[in-house]
Protein backbone atom coordinates (compact mmCIF):
# COMPACT_ATOMS: atom_id res chain seq x y z
CA MET A 1 91.58 -30.06 -29.32
CA ARG A 2 93.84 -29.86 -26.30
CA LYS A 3 91.91 -29.50 -23.08
CA GLY A 4 93.09 -27.73 -19.92
CA CYS A 5 91.43 -30.18 -17.56
CA VAL A 6 89.81 -33.56 -17.52
CA VAL A 7 86.03 -33.21 -17.64
CA VAL A 8 83.32 -34.96 -15.63
CA LEU A 9 82.89 -38.64 -16.83
CA SER A 10 80.03 -38.94 -19.25
CA GLY A 11 77.82 -42.03 -19.52
CA LEU A 12 77.62 -41.65 -23.25
CA MET A 13 80.25 -42.77 -25.72
CA CYS A 14 80.46 -41.50 -29.31
CA ALA A 15 82.01 -43.42 -32.15
CA TRP A 16 85.04 -42.07 -33.84
CA LEU A 17 88.10 -43.51 -35.44
CA ALA A 18 90.87 -40.89 -35.52
CA ALA A 19 93.15 -42.50 -38.05
CA SER A 20 96.91 -42.37 -37.74
CA ALA A 21 97.19 -41.48 -41.38
CA GLY A 22 96.35 -37.86 -40.29
CA ALA A 23 99.61 -37.64 -38.49
CA GLN A 24 101.20 -35.46 -41.24
CA ILE A 25 98.63 -32.71 -40.43
CA ILE A 26 99.76 -32.68 -36.85
CA GLN A 27 103.49 -32.89 -37.88
CA GLU A 28 103.15 -29.81 -40.13
CA GLN A 29 101.37 -27.77 -37.48
CA ARG A 30 103.91 -28.60 -34.76
CA GLU A 31 106.78 -27.54 -37.05
CA ALA A 32 105.12 -24.41 -38.20
CA GLY A 33 105.72 -22.58 -34.89
CA PRO A 34 103.35 -20.29 -33.01
CA THR A 35 100.06 -19.18 -34.54
CA THR A 36 97.57 -16.39 -33.83
CA PRO A 37 94.18 -17.28 -32.35
CA ILE A 38 92.55 -16.76 -35.74
CA GLN A 39 95.06 -19.02 -37.43
CA LYS A 40 94.45 -21.72 -34.72
CA SER A 41 90.79 -21.60 -35.30
CA LYS A 42 91.29 -22.03 -39.12
CA ASP A 43 93.87 -24.71 -38.51
CA LYS A 44 91.56 -26.60 -36.15
CA ASP A 45 88.72 -26.51 -38.67
CA GLN A 46 90.92 -27.75 -41.45
CA GLU A 47 92.37 -30.39 -39.28
CA SER A 48 88.91 -31.70 -38.22
CA LEU A 49 87.89 -31.89 -41.90
CA GLU A 50 91.02 -33.70 -43.09
CA THR A 51 90.90 -36.12 -40.16
CA PHE A 52 87.23 -36.87 -40.91
CA LYS A 53 88.09 -37.65 -44.59
CA VAL A 54 90.96 -39.99 -43.59
CA ALA A 55 88.86 -41.65 -40.85
CA VAL A 56 86.01 -42.46 -43.24
CA ASN A 57 88.17 -43.71 -46.17
CA VAL A 58 91.24 -45.32 -44.74
CA ALA A 59 91.92 -47.79 -41.85
CA ASN A 60 95.42 -47.30 -40.49
CA VAL A 61 97.38 -49.69 -38.31
CA LEU A 62 100.57 -49.11 -36.45
CA PHE A 63 102.45 -52.19 -35.40
CA ASN A 64 105.76 -53.88 -34.53
CA VAL A 65 107.28 -57.09 -35.76
CA LYS A 66 109.58 -59.32 -33.75
CA ASP A 67 111.66 -62.35 -34.27
CA LYS A 68 111.46 -65.45 -32.20
CA HIS A 69 113.84 -63.98 -29.66
CA GLY A 70 111.77 -60.82 -29.24
CA ALA A 71 114.06 -58.52 -31.19
CA LEU A 72 112.49 -55.93 -33.42
CA LEU A 73 112.58 -56.48 -37.28
CA PRO A 74 112.99 -52.99 -38.78
CA ASN A 75 113.61 -53.70 -42.49
CA LEU A 76 110.51 -55.37 -43.80
CA THR A 77 108.59 -54.21 -46.87
CA LYS A 78 105.04 -53.98 -48.00
CA ASP A 79 105.24 -57.27 -49.82
CA ASP A 80 106.01 -59.04 -46.48
CA PHE A 81 102.53 -58.43 -45.17
CA GLU A 82 98.91 -59.50 -45.63
CA VAL A 83 95.96 -57.62 -43.98
CA PHE A 84 92.60 -59.14 -43.12
CA GLU A 85 89.54 -57.40 -41.84
CA ASP A 86 86.85 -59.63 -40.36
CA GLY A 87 88.65 -62.43 -42.20
CA VAL A 88 88.47 -60.72 -45.60
CA PRO A 89 91.76 -59.93 -47.36
CA GLN A 90 92.46 -56.20 -47.79
CA LYS A 91 94.62 -54.39 -50.41
CA ILE A 92 97.43 -52.45 -48.71
CA LYS A 93 97.20 -48.91 -50.03
CA TYR A 94 99.87 -47.27 -47.88
CA PHE A 95 102.99 -48.66 -46.18
CA THR A 96 105.72 -47.00 -44.29
CA ALA A 97 108.28 -47.62 -41.62
CA GLU A 98 107.58 -45.02 -38.99
CA SER A 99 110.26 -43.78 -36.72
CA ASN A 100 110.02 -39.98 -36.59
CA LEU A 101 106.41 -39.11 -36.78
CA PRO A 102 105.10 -36.97 -33.89
CA LEU A 103 104.00 -38.98 -30.90
CA THR A 104 101.16 -38.00 -28.56
CA LEU A 105 101.76 -39.79 -25.25
CA GLY A 106 99.86 -40.12 -22.01
CA ILE A 107 101.56 -41.20 -18.80
CA LEU A 108 99.14 -42.65 -16.14
CA VAL A 109 100.59 -43.22 -12.75
CA ASP A 110 98.92 -45.32 -10.03
CA THR A 111 99.11 -43.39 -6.74
CA SER A 112 97.00 -45.68 -4.68
CA PRO A 113 98.33 -46.93 -1.26
CA SER A 114 99.59 -50.27 -2.91
CA GLN A 115 102.26 -48.17 -4.70
CA MET A 116 103.80 -46.77 -1.52
CA GLN A 117 107.08 -48.74 -1.86
CA VAL A 118 107.63 -48.20 -5.61
CA LEU A 119 106.51 -44.67 -6.54
CA THR A 120 109.97 -43.16 -6.17
CA MET A 121 111.35 -45.78 -8.38
CA GLU A 122 108.61 -45.07 -10.97
CA GLN A 123 109.43 -41.27 -10.84
CA ASP A 124 113.09 -41.74 -11.38
CA ALA A 125 112.77 -44.28 -14.30
CA GLY A 126 109.93 -42.27 -15.75
CA ALA A 127 111.87 -39.08 -15.83
CA ALA A 128 114.70 -40.83 -17.78
CA PHE A 129 112.26 -42.26 -20.13
CA LEU A 130 110.65 -38.96 -21.09
CA LYS A 131 114.13 -37.48 -21.74
CA ASP A 132 115.03 -40.48 -24.06
CA VAL A 133 111.84 -40.79 -26.01
CA LEU A 134 110.32 -37.35 -26.48
CA THR A 135 111.42 -35.03 -29.29
CA PRO A 136 110.50 -31.39 -29.69
CA ARG A 137 107.67 -32.48 -32.09
CA ASP A 138 106.06 -34.77 -29.52
CA LEU A 139 103.42 -33.96 -26.93
CA ALA A 140 102.67 -35.64 -23.62
CA PHE A 141 100.45 -35.29 -20.56
CA LEU A 142 100.56 -36.82 -17.09
CA MET A 143 97.72 -38.18 -14.97
CA ASN A 144 97.56 -39.95 -11.61
CA PHE A 145 94.86 -42.07 -10.21
CA ASP A 146 94.01 -43.36 -6.83
CA PHE A 147 90.61 -42.49 -5.20
CA ASN A 148 90.40 -39.74 -7.88
CA VAL A 149 91.71 -39.24 -11.36
CA GLU A 150 93.74 -36.03 -11.77
CA LEU A 151 95.42 -34.26 -14.61
CA ASP A 152 98.82 -33.25 -13.28
CA GLN A 153 100.30 -31.89 -16.51
CA ASP A 154 98.36 -31.06 -19.63
CA TYR A 155 99.85 -31.53 -23.17
CA THR A 156 103.34 -30.10 -23.37
CA ALA A 157 106.54 -30.74 -25.26
CA SER A 158 108.56 -29.60 -22.28
CA ILE A 159 110.44 -32.46 -20.73
CA SER A 160 111.23 -30.26 -17.63
CA GLU A 161 107.49 -29.58 -17.06
CA LEU A 162 106.63 -33.27 -17.31
CA ARG A 163 109.44 -34.23 -14.98
CA SER A 164 108.42 -31.52 -12.47
CA ALA A 165 104.79 -32.80 -12.45
CA LEU A 166 105.96 -36.37 -12.17
CA MET A 167 108.14 -35.62 -9.24
CA LYS A 168 105.32 -33.82 -7.40
CA VAL A 169 102.99 -36.92 -7.57
CA LYS A 170 102.31 -38.50 -4.22
CA VAL A 171 100.62 -41.61 -2.94
CA ASN A 172 97.06 -40.86 -1.62
CA ASN A 173 96.46 -42.65 1.71
CA GLY A 174 93.07 -41.13 2.17
CA GLY A 175 89.81 -42.79 1.28
CA TYR A 176 87.01 -40.35 1.29
CA VAL A 177 85.91 -38.87 -1.99
CA SER A 178 83.62 -35.77 -2.08
CA ASP A 179 80.58 -35.54 -4.34
CA THR A 180 81.78 -32.06 -5.49
CA PRO A 181 84.58 -31.74 -8.15
CA GLY A 182 87.18 -29.35 -6.94
CA LEU A 183 86.58 -30.27 -3.23
CA GLY A 184 88.53 -33.48 -3.34
CA GLY A 185 86.12 -35.14 -5.65
CA GLY A 186 88.38 -34.91 -8.61
CA PRO A 187 86.99 -35.03 -12.17
CA ILE A 188 84.80 -38.04 -11.47
CA PRO A 189 82.51 -37.26 -8.56
CA THR A 190 81.41 -40.29 -6.48
CA SER A 191 79.90 -40.77 -2.99
CA ARG A 192 81.61 -44.08 -2.24
CA VAL A 193 84.97 -45.08 -1.05
CA ARG A 194 87.40 -46.49 -3.65
CA SER A 195 91.09 -46.88 -3.80
CA THR A 196 92.24 -47.34 -7.49
CA ALA A 197 90.16 -45.86 -10.31
CA LEU A 198 92.34 -47.45 -12.98
CA PHE A 199 89.52 -48.05 -15.49
CA ASP A 200 88.21 -44.52 -15.00
CA ALA A 201 91.74 -43.18 -15.63
CA VAL A 202 92.10 -45.14 -18.94
CA TYR A 203 88.64 -44.09 -20.11
CA LEU A 204 89.25 -40.40 -19.35
CA ALA A 205 92.70 -40.40 -20.94
CA ALA A 206 91.41 -41.95 -24.08
CA ASN A 207 88.07 -40.21 -24.40
CA GLU A 208 88.92 -36.76 -23.06
CA LYS A 209 92.50 -36.37 -24.21
CA LEU A 210 93.80 -38.74 -26.90
CA ARG A 211 90.62 -39.21 -28.93
CA ALA A 212 90.77 -35.55 -30.14
CA GLU A 213 94.28 -36.11 -31.53
CA SER A 214 95.61 -37.53 -34.80
CA GLY A 215 98.77 -39.53 -35.50
CA ARG A 216 100.63 -41.83 -33.31
CA LYS A 217 99.12 -42.18 -29.88
CA ALA A 218 99.90 -44.16 -26.80
CA MET A 219 99.39 -44.37 -23.09
CA ILE A 220 101.67 -45.91 -20.67
CA LEU A 221 100.29 -47.17 -17.26
CA LEU A 222 102.49 -47.47 -14.17
CA THR A 223 100.35 -49.75 -11.91
CA ASP A 224 99.82 -53.01 -10.10
CA GLY A 225 96.88 -53.51 -12.50
CA GLN A 226 94.25 -53.93 -9.70
CA ASP A 227 91.20 -51.71 -10.18
CA GLU A 228 89.14 -50.92 -7.10
CA GLY A 229 86.01 -48.92 -7.43
CA SER A 230 85.99 -47.40 -10.93
CA LYS A 231 82.79 -46.06 -12.27
CA VAL A 232 83.33 -47.59 -15.71
CA ARG A 233 83.99 -51.17 -16.41
CA LEU A 234 86.96 -52.81 -18.06
CA LYS A 235 85.05 -53.15 -21.40
CA GLU A 236 84.05 -49.47 -21.45
CA ALA A 237 87.63 -48.35 -20.85
CA MET A 238 88.91 -50.68 -23.49
CA GLU A 239 86.29 -49.46 -25.98
CA ALA A 240 87.26 -45.75 -25.35
CA ALA A 241 90.93 -46.61 -25.94
CA GLN A 242 90.07 -48.43 -29.22
CA LYS A 243 87.91 -45.44 -30.38
CA ALA A 244 90.81 -43.16 -29.59
CA ASP A 245 93.10 -45.39 -31.70
CA SER A 246 95.52 -45.49 -28.78
CA ILE A 247 98.14 -48.16 -27.95
CA ILE A 248 98.28 -49.14 -24.35
CA TYR A 249 101.47 -50.21 -22.51
CA VAL A 250 101.40 -51.43 -19.00
CA ILE A 251 104.38 -51.61 -16.73
CA LEU A 252 103.12 -53.93 -14.02
CA ILE A 253 104.97 -52.73 -10.91
CA ALA A 254 103.85 -54.28 -7.63
CA ASP A 255 104.68 -56.58 -4.79
CA ARG A 256 101.94 -59.27 -4.89
CA ILE A 257 102.61 -60.35 -1.30
CA GLY A 258 100.01 -57.87 -0.27
CA TYR A 259 97.30 -59.63 -2.21
CA GLY A 260 96.21 -62.70 -0.23
CA GLY A 261 93.41 -65.02 -0.77
CA GLY A 262 93.62 -65.25 -4.49
CA PHE A 263 91.94 -61.78 -4.98
CA TYR A 264 94.68 -60.39 -7.28
CA HIS A 265 93.56 -60.42 -10.95
CA GLY A 266 95.25 -57.16 -12.24
CA ASP A 267 97.63 -58.92 -14.65
CA SER A 268 94.81 -60.59 -16.63
CA ASP A 269 92.87 -57.18 -16.93
CA MET A 270 96.07 -55.50 -18.10
CA LYS A 271 96.66 -58.09 -20.74
CA ILE A 272 93.30 -57.35 -22.26
CA PHE A 273 94.21 -53.69 -22.43
CA THR A 274 97.59 -54.28 -24.09
CA GLU A 275 96.80 -57.17 -26.39
CA GLU A 276 93.62 -55.62 -27.83
CA SER A 277 95.39 -52.30 -28.39
CA GLY A 278 98.58 -53.52 -29.77
CA GLY A 279 100.77 -52.74 -26.77
CA ARG A 280 102.45 -54.92 -24.23
CA MET A 281 102.40 -55.71 -20.60
CA ILE A 282 105.81 -55.84 -18.92
CA GLU A 283 105.97 -57.15 -15.37
CA VAL A 284 108.83 -55.64 -13.24
CA GLY A 285 107.77 -56.47 -9.76
CA ASN A 286 109.64 -53.98 -7.54
CA ASN A 287 112.99 -54.12 -9.40
CA PHE A 288 114.42 -50.84 -10.54
CA GLU A 289 116.63 -52.33 -13.32
CA LYS A 290 113.65 -54.34 -14.71
CA LEU A 291 111.65 -51.10 -14.71
CA ARG A 292 114.38 -49.19 -16.49
CA LYS A 293 114.57 -51.88 -19.13
CA ALA A 294 110.86 -51.96 -19.62
CA PHE A 295 110.86 -48.20 -20.34
CA GLN A 296 113.79 -48.70 -22.78
CA GLN A 297 111.83 -51.38 -24.58
CA ILE A 298 108.78 -49.31 -24.86
CA ALA A 299 110.82 -46.52 -26.23
CA GLU A 300 112.32 -48.76 -28.85
CA GLU A 301 108.94 -50.05 -29.91
CA LEU A 302 107.46 -46.66 -30.28
CA ARG A 303 110.19 -45.49 -32.48
CA SER A 304 110.28 -48.76 -34.64
CA GLN A 305 106.75 -49.08 -35.93
CA TYR A 306 105.35 -49.94 -39.29
CA SER A 307 102.19 -48.26 -40.60
CA ILE A 308 99.78 -49.94 -43.01
CA GLY A 309 96.82 -48.16 -44.53
CA TYR A 310 94.00 -49.70 -46.57
CA THR A 311 90.44 -48.91 -47.82
CA PRO A 312 88.20 -51.40 -46.18
CA THR A 313 86.20 -53.64 -48.47
CA ASN A 314 83.26 -53.10 -46.00
CA SER A 315 82.51 -49.47 -46.67
CA ALA A 316 79.56 -49.23 -44.30
CA HIS A 317 80.03 -46.20 -41.90
CA ASP A 318 78.04 -47.95 -39.13
CA GLY A 319 80.25 -47.55 -36.08
CA THR A 320 80.68 -51.35 -35.75
CA TYR A 321 83.83 -53.11 -34.47
CA ARG A 322 86.07 -54.68 -37.16
CA LYS A 323 88.60 -57.32 -36.35
CA LEU A 324 92.04 -56.86 -37.79
CA GLU A 325 94.83 -59.35 -38.53
CA ILE A 326 98.23 -58.64 -40.00
CA LYS A 327 100.12 -61.71 -41.27
CA THR A 328 103.79 -62.19 -42.16
CA LYS A 329 106.17 -65.01 -42.46
CA ALA A 330 109.02 -62.81 -41.22
CA GLY A 331 108.07 -62.87 -37.49
CA LYS A 332 105.42 -62.18 -34.90
CA VAL A 333 103.17 -59.09 -35.39
CA GLN A 334 102.27 -56.86 -32.38
CA ALA A 335 99.25 -55.00 -33.45
CA ARG A 336 95.77 -53.95 -32.26
CA LYS A 337 93.05 -56.63 -32.65
CA GLY A 338 90.53 -54.34 -34.27
CA TYR A 339 88.97 -50.91 -34.63
CA TYR A 340 85.63 -49.16 -34.69
CA ALA A 341 84.50 -47.85 -38.06
CA ALA A 342 83.45 -44.23 -38.44
CA ARG A 343 79.69 -43.62 -38.09
CA GLN A 344 77.75 -41.26 -40.24
């Protein structure tokens, strides 16, 4: 379900593994063209049913493999890999090299005062990235976060709409947040002053946007990594992303001179997001060329993924977290560390 706005943050989190193996359903719908409201309703019901079947029976993992120099290895086969869940070997049921499956992407832009000197650079490089990576079958949305979390552009395949929304984003130098959504309070009402609701943004992007989608999903954060005043904690935001089956990439863009006294810890928090989800953190400082290359590397990784599917030997539908490990002698695997089983 595509939502027109980000809803108020809920304190409850439900368990759901939207498996990437359902991507074919989304691909067929995107290629089928416009549908009537009745058709949309039927398609939505069918999609929910099919996604549920896949989520219960198959665990699907999207990942990259790199050599010792960090170059992507694109021509490996099923026989090159072993999969373990909670240390137990699993039989690989499906294996493909994915490069053209539809992508659902969330772009999250830090608009707190610390980004004053780099926002224009983010907008220019981000617009070029969207043009390079998105195809007509892909969908993306744009959010910004500072004192509030705001949805600037809902799901669209239009690069021009995304670019327009990105270029309108501005740094918020204020500090007061109203208790009333729609009156400056944003989607997460709060009565306290805060400056960078980063964890809230990740939680909302995962739980209210990406979780309802099937197929390949990723979010890209443009931030200095420093959360200030979020309502949810790092663990809750990470869990939401894992349940949404979303990869997280972080482009760490900041001038750390402003963080004195050893208070900066944004990079360690961002490493948790990226390593647990199968993404990567790329530090670019305030260098435009490094930023451009970071976007280029992310684009290459998103279009050079392998997909492994297996039926877990642990068939319990208990909503528990399962640790994943993919092994190969060919190179280093970049994959999520685990997933949450479906609950019945």
